[in-house]
């Protein structure tokens, strides 16, 4: 596997680092560009280290990864940069992982994608961030389906929901 950035037009992208030592278990993390994902990434990296687990980071590519103006001449290139930046954040956070990690990015329902990777790797648990509380978050929940609720309803593995915290 390689640390290169994912191309936008691939249906399923998978890369990361090879384990330096054999992992004892597998963990799956849902990740995107929101701050709650950074909190979840920090917790997942710590858990992977403590549990000697290989971490499988899953990103569901959606319209929020693309620039607002679809008429921009470099629309696809801007999206490529956003996806590359997200991958680089993950690579930086996991650079010292002894048990290796993978990064999966493809289009589709995030719940289905997380469940697919968890099934393929026989993961011990799935880790996701929470959007938090407050009036703005209630509107988010109305407009966008909750990934954590979807995971709890659609699969048998434990789901660790990491609250957002300010990373200062």
C-alpha atoms as a PDB file:
ATOM      1  CA  UNK A   1       0.000   0.000   0.000  1.00  0.00           C
ATOM      2  CA  UNK A   2       1.071   3.567  -0.564  1.00  0.00           C
ATOM      3  CA  UNK A   3       0.715   6.932   1.148  1.00  0.00           C
ATOM      4  CA  UNK A   4      -0.273   8.674  -2.085  1.00  0.00           C
ATOM      5  CA  UNK A   5      -3.424  10.778  -2.169  1.00  0.00           C
ATOM      6  CA  UNK A   6      -6.614   9.225  -3.526  1.00  0.00           C
ATOM      7  CA  UNK A   7      -7.834  10.103  -6.992  1.00  0.00           C
ATOM      8  CA  UNK A   8     -11.346  11.559  -6.989  1.00  0.00           C
ATOM      9  CA  UNK A   9     -12.702   9.481  -9.863  1.00  0.00           C
ATOM     10  CA  UNK A  10     -11.944   6.044  -8.404  1.00  0.00           C
ATOM     11  CA  UNK A  11     -14.970   4.124  -7.149  1.00  0.00           C
ATOM     12  CA  UNK A  12     -13.093   2.705  -4.166  1.00  0.00           C
ATOM     13  CA  UNK A  13      -9.719   3.903  -3.000  1.00  0.00           C
ATOM     14  CA  UNK A  14      -7.728   1.966  -0.476  1.00  0.00           C
ATOM     15  CA  UNK A  15      -4.245   2.753   0.837  1.00  0.00           C
ATOM     16  CA  UNK A  16      -2.326   3.327   4.037  1.00  0.00           C
ATOM     17  CA  UNK A  17       0.732   1.783   5.672  1.00  0.00           C
ATOM     18  CA  UNK A  18       1.751  -1.798   6.209  1.00  0.00           C
ATOM     19  CA  UNK A  19       1.923  -3.030   9.798  1.00  0.00           C
ATOM     20  CA  UNK A  20       5.382  -3.080  11.439  1.00  0.00           C
ATOM     21  CA  UNK A  21       3.981  -5.602  13.916  1.00  0.00           C
ATOM     22  CA  UNK A  22       1.036  -7.953  13.635  1.00  0.00           C
ATOM     23  CA  UNK A  23      -2.203  -6.306  14.782  1.00  0.00           C
ATOM     24  CA  UNK A  24      -4.205  -8.117  17.443  1.00  0.00           C
ATOM     25  CA  UNK A  25      -7.545  -6.731  16.271  1.00  0.00           C
ATOM     26  CA  UNK A  26      -9.153  -4.355  13.772  1.00  0.00           C
ATOM     27  CA  UNK A  27     -10.966  -1.043  14.317  1.00  0.00           C
ATOM     28  CA  UNK A  28     -12.994   0.965  11.786  1.00  0.00           C
ATOM     29  CA  UNK A  29     -13.291   4.756  11.925  1.00  0.00           C
ATOM     30  CA  UNK A  30     -15.721   6.980  10.049  1.00  0.00           C
ATOM     31  CA  UNK A  31     -13.929  10.189   9.030  1.00  0.00           C
ATOM     32  CA  UNK A  32     -14.755  13.397   7.153  1.00  0.00           C
ATOM     33  CA  UNK A  33     -13.714  17.049   7.175  1.00  0.00           C
ATOM     34  CA  UNK A  34     -15.809  18.101  10.184  1.00  0.00           C
ATOM     35  CA  UNK A  35     -14.162  18.883  13.561  1.00  0.00           C
ATOM     36  CA  UNK A  36     -15.966  15.975  15.245  1.00  0.00           C
ATOM     37  CA  UNK A  37     -14.073  13.621  12.952  1.00  0.00           C
ATOM     38  CA  UNK A  38     -10.756  14.988  14.166  1.00  0.00           C
ATOM     39  CA  UNK A  39     -11.786  14.199  17.749  1.00  0.00           C
ATOM     40  CA  UNK A  40     -12.810  10.694  16.702  1.00  0.00           C
ATOM     41  CA  UNK A  41      -9.522  10.243  14.793  1.00  0.00           C
ATOM     42  CA  UNK A  42      -7.515  11.170  17.912  1.00  0.00           C
ATOM     43  CA  UNK A  43      -9.474   8.720  20.061  1.00  0.00           C
ATOM     44  CA  UNK A  44      -9.288   5.966  17.426  1.00  0.00           C
ATOM     45  CA  UNK A  45      -5.519   6.401  17.002  1.00  0.00           C
ATOM     46  CA  UNK A  46      -5.063   6.168  20.771  1.00  0.00           C
ATOM     47  CA  UNK A  47      -7.286   3.068  20.997  1.00  0.00           C
ATOM     48  CA  UNK A  48      -5.483   1.425  18.070  1.00  0.00           C
ATOM     49  CA  UNK A  49      -2.160   2.009  19.819  1.00  0.00           C
ATOM     50  CA  UNK A  50      -3.388   0.689  23.196  1.00  0.00           C
ATOM     51  CA  UNK A  51      -5.130  -2.330  21.667  1.00  0.00           C
ATOM     52  CA  UNK A  52      -2.431  -3.116  19.079  1.00  0.00           C
ATOM     53  CA  UNK A  53      -5.151  -2.737  16.447  1.00  0.00           C
ATOM     54  CA  UNK A  54      -4.994  -1.932  12.784  1.00  0.00           C
ATOM     55  CA  UNK A  55      -7.176   1.102  12.069  1.00  0.00           C
ATOM     56  CA  UNK A  56      -9.301   1.249   8.912  1.00  0.00           C
ATOM     57  CA  UNK A  57     -10.341   4.835   8.186  1.00  0.00           C
ATOM     58  CA  UNK A  58     -13.439   5.173   5.983  1.00  0.00           C
ATOM     59  CA  UNK A  59     -14.443   8.352   4.167  1.00  0.00           C
ATOM     60  CA  UNK A  60     -17.689   8.604   2.226  1.00  0.00           C
ATOM     61  CA  UNK A  61     -17.106  11.025  -0.645  1.00  0.00           C
ATOM     62  CA  UNK A  62     -20.084  13.360  -1.005  1.00  0.00           C
ATOM     63  CA  UNK A  63     -20.943  16.821  -2.274  1.00  0.00           C
ATOM     64  CA  UNK A  64     -19.439  18.472   0.813  1.00  0.00           C
ATOM     65  CA  UNK A  65     -16.030  17.387  -0.534  1.00  0.00           C
ATOM     66  CA  UNK A  66     -16.580  19.482  -3.643  1.00  0.00           C
ATOM     67  CA  UNK A  67     -16.427  23.258  -4.069  1.00  0.00           C
ATOM     68  CA  UNK A  68     -19.677  25.214  -4.037  1.00  0.00           C
ATOM     69  CA  UNK A  69     -19.390  26.477  -7.629  1.00  0.00           C
ATOM     70  CA  UNK A  70     -19.811  23.512 -10.021  1.00  0.00           C
ATOM     71  CA  UNK A  71     -19.090  25.839 -12.941  1.00  0.00           C
ATOM     72  CA  UNK A  72     -15.547  26.496 -11.742  1.00  0.00           C
ATOM     73  CA  UNK A  73     -13.042  25.415 -14.374  1.00  0.00           C
ATOM     74  CA  UNK A  74     -11.020  23.548 -11.739  1.00  0.00           C
ATOM     75  CA  UNK A  75     -13.971  21.998  -9.877  1.00  0.00           C
ATOM     76  CA  UNK A  76     -12.576  18.429  -9.949  1.00  0.00           C
ATOM     77  CA  UNK A  77      -9.079  19.665  -9.043  1.00  0.00           C
ATOM     78  CA  UNK A  78     -10.475  21.541  -6.038  1.00  0.00           C
ATOM     79  CA  UNK A  79     -12.259  18.388  -4.913  1.00  0.00           C
ATOM     80  CA  UNK A  80      -9.039  16.416  -5.392  1.00  0.00           C
ATOM     81  CA  UNK A  81      -7.202  18.887  -3.137  1.00  0.00           C
ATOM     82  CA  UNK A  82      -9.890  18.599  -0.430  1.00  0.00           C
ATOM     83  CA  UNK A  83      -9.703  14.795  -0.489  1.00  0.00           C
ATOM     84  CA  UNK A  84      -5.913  14.907  -0.502  1.00  0.00           C
ATOM     85  CA  UNK A  85      -5.928  17.259   2.511  1.00  0.00           C
ATOM     86  CA  UNK A  86      -8.252  14.903   4.407  1.00  0.00           C
ATOM     87  CA  UNK A  87      -6.025  11.935   3.595  1.00  0.00           C
ATOM     88  CA  UNK A  88      -2.936  13.876   4.713  1.00  0.00           C
ATOM     89  CA  UNK A  89      -4.626  14.724   8.050  1.00  0.00           C
ATOM     90  CA  UNK A  90      -5.210  11.025   8.630  1.00  0.00           C
ATOM     91  CA  UNK A  91      -1.689  10.091   7.511  1.00  0.00           C
ATOM     92  CA  UNK A  92      -0.187  12.675   9.870  1.00  0.00           C
ATOM     93  CA  UNK A  93      -2.279  11.496  12.826  1.00  0.00           C
ATOM     94  CA  UNK A  94      -1.370   7.848  12.182  1.00  0.00           C
ATOM     95  CA  UNK A  95       2.264   8.257  11.115  1.00  0.00           C
ATOM     96  CA  UNK A  96       3.579   6.433  14.198  1.00  0.00           C
ATOM     97  CA  UNK A  97       1.189   3.491  13.970  1.00  0.00           C
ATOM     98  CA  UNK A  98       3.012   0.202  14.535  1.00  0.00           C
ATOM     99  CA  UNK A  99       0.070  -1.922  13.477  1.00  0.00           C
ATOM    100  CA  UNK A 100      -0.588  -0.052  10.224  1.00  0.00           C
ATOM    101  CA  UNK A 101      -3.703   1.592   8.887  1.00  0.00           C
ATOM    102  CA  UNK A 102      -5.774   1.774   5.749  1.00  0.00           C
ATOM    103  CA  UNK A 103      -7.731   4.616   4.198  1.00  0.00           C
ATOM    104  CA  UNK A 104     -10.862   3.847   2.223  1.00  0.00           C
ATOM    105  CA  UNK A 105     -12.609   6.604   0.285  1.00  0.00           C
ATOM    106  CA  UNK A 106     -15.486   6.062  -2.042  1.00  0.00           C
ATOM    107  CA  UNK A 107     -18.929   7.345  -2.888  1.00  0.00           C
ATOM    108  CA  UNK A 108     -21.976   5.936  -1.164  1.00  0.00           C
ATOM    109  CA  UNK A 109     -24.002   5.771   2.005  1.00  0.00           C
ATOM    110  CA  UNK A 110     -21.556   6.223   4.915  1.00  0.00           C
ATOM    111  CA  UNK A 111     -23.347   3.645   7.064  1.00  0.00           C
ATOM    112  CA  UNK A 112     -23.146   1.016   4.321  1.00  0.00           C
ATOM    113  CA  UNK A 113     -19.481   1.828   3.652  1.00  0.00           C
ATOM    114  CA  UNK A 114     -18.526   1.571   7.330  1.00  0.00           C
ATOM    115  CA  UNK A 115     -20.407  -1.700   7.723  1.00  0.00           C
ATOM    116  CA  UNK A 116     -18.760  -3.093   4.567  1.00  0.00           C
ATOM    117  CA  UNK A 117     -15.238  -2.360   5.809  1.00  0.00           C
ATOM    118  CA  UNK A 118     -16.105  -3.664   9.293  1.00  0.00           C
ATOM    119  CA  UNK A 119     -17.376  -6.916   7.771  1.00  0.00           C
ATOM    120  CA  UNK A 120     -14.369  -7.274   5.442  1.00  0.00           C
ATOM    121  CA  UNK A 121     -11.895  -6.778   8.292  1.00  0.00           C
ATOM    122  CA  UNK A 122     -13.914  -8.465  11.050  1.00  0.00           C
ATOM    123  CA  UNK A 123     -13.531  -5.280  13.091  1.00  0.00           C
ATOM    124  CA  UNK A 124     -13.989  -5.304  16.839  1.00  0.00           C
ATOM    125  CA  UNK A 125     -15.875  -1.983  16.740  1.00  0.00           C
ATOM    126  CA  UNK A 126     -16.768   1.036  14.647  1.00  0.00           C
ATOM    127  CA  UNK A 127     -15.794   4.509  15.852  1.00  0.00           C
ATOM    128  CA  UNK A 128     -17.528   7.729  14.753  1.00  0.00           C
ATOM    129  CA  UNK A 129     -17.720  11.307  15.970  1.00  0.00           C
ATOM    130  CA  UNK A 130     -20.869  13.084  17.050  1.00  0.00           C
ATOM    131  CA  UNK A 131     -22.026  16.417  15.693  1.00  0.00           C
ATOM    132  CA  UNK A 132     -22.663  17.663  19.227  1.00  0.00           C
ATOM    133  CA  UNK A 133     -25.605  19.488  20.745  1.00  0.00           C
ATOM    134  CA  UNK A 134     -27.355  22.802  20.284  1.00  0.00           C
ATOM    135  CA  UNK A 135     -29.920  24.367  17.953  1.00  0.00           C
ATOM    136  CA  UNK A 136     -27.683  24.244  14.892  1.00  0.00           C
ATOM    137  CA  UNK A 137     -27.022  20.556  15.443  1.00  0.00           C
ATOM    138  CA  UNK A 138     -30.748  19.800  15.649  1.00  0.00           C
ATOM    139  CA  UNK A 139     -31.159  21.304  12.178  1.00  0.00           C
ATOM    140  CA  UNK A 140     -28.201  19.190  10.973  1.00  0.00           C
ATOM    141  CA  UNK A 141     -29.915  16.048  12.276  1.00  0.00           C
ATOM    142  CA  UNK A 142     -33.143  16.940  10.481  1.00  0.00           C
ATOM    143  CA  UNK A 143     -31.381  17.574   7.170  1.00  0.00           C
ATOM    144  CA  UNK A 144     -28.807  14.774   7.375  1.00  0.00           C
ATOM    145  CA  UNK A 145     -29.301  11.268   8.659  1.00  0.00           C
ATOM    146  CA  UNK A 146     -27.265  10.348  11.730  1.00  0.00           C
ATOM    147  CA  UNK A 147     -24.465   7.937  10.853  1.00  0.00           C
ATOM    148  CA  UNK A 148     -24.194   6.718  14.455  1.00  0.00           C
ATOM    149  CA  UNK A 149     -27.926   5.931  14.653  1.00  0.00           C
ATOM    150  CA  UNK A 150     -27.769   4.181  11.295  1.00  0.00           C
ATOM    151  CA  UNK A 151     -24.843   2.048  12.471  1.00  0.00           C
ATOM    152  CA  UNK A 152     -26.576   1.064  15.694  1.00  0.00           C
ATOM    153  CA  UNK A 153     -29.687   0.044  13.776  1.00  0.00           C
ATOM    154  CA  UNK A 154     -28.021  -1.819  10.891  1.00  0.00           C
ATOM    155  CA  UNK A 155     -25.218  -3.966  12.250  1.00  0.00           C
ATOM    156  CA  UNK A 156     -24.139  -6.022  15.268  1.00  0.00           C
ATOM    157  CA  UNK A 157     -20.782  -4.525  16.246  1.00  0.00           C
ATOM    158  CA  UNK A 158     -20.301  -2.099  19.110  1.00  0.00           C
ATOM    159  CA  UNK A 159     -20.285   1.553  18.020  1.00  0.00           C
ATOM    160  CA  UNK A 160     -18.110   4.026  19.920  1.00  0.00           C
ATOM    161  CA  UNK A 161     -19.488   7.552  19.549  1.00  0.00           C
ATOM    162  CA  UNK A 162     -16.839  10.161  20.360  1.00  0.00           C
ATOM    163  CA  UNK A 163     -18.087  13.543  21.542  1.00  0.00           C
ATOM    164  CA  UNK A 164     -16.606  16.603  19.880  1.00  0.00           C
ATOM    165  CA  UNK A 165     -14.144  18.450  22.017  1.00  0.00           C
ATOM    166  CA  UNK A 166     -12.131  21.537  21.253  1.00  0.00           C
ATOM    167  CA  UNK A 167      -8.619  20.445  20.338  1.00  0.00           C
ATOM    168  CA  UNK A 168      -6.546  23.414  21.440  1.00  0.00           C
END
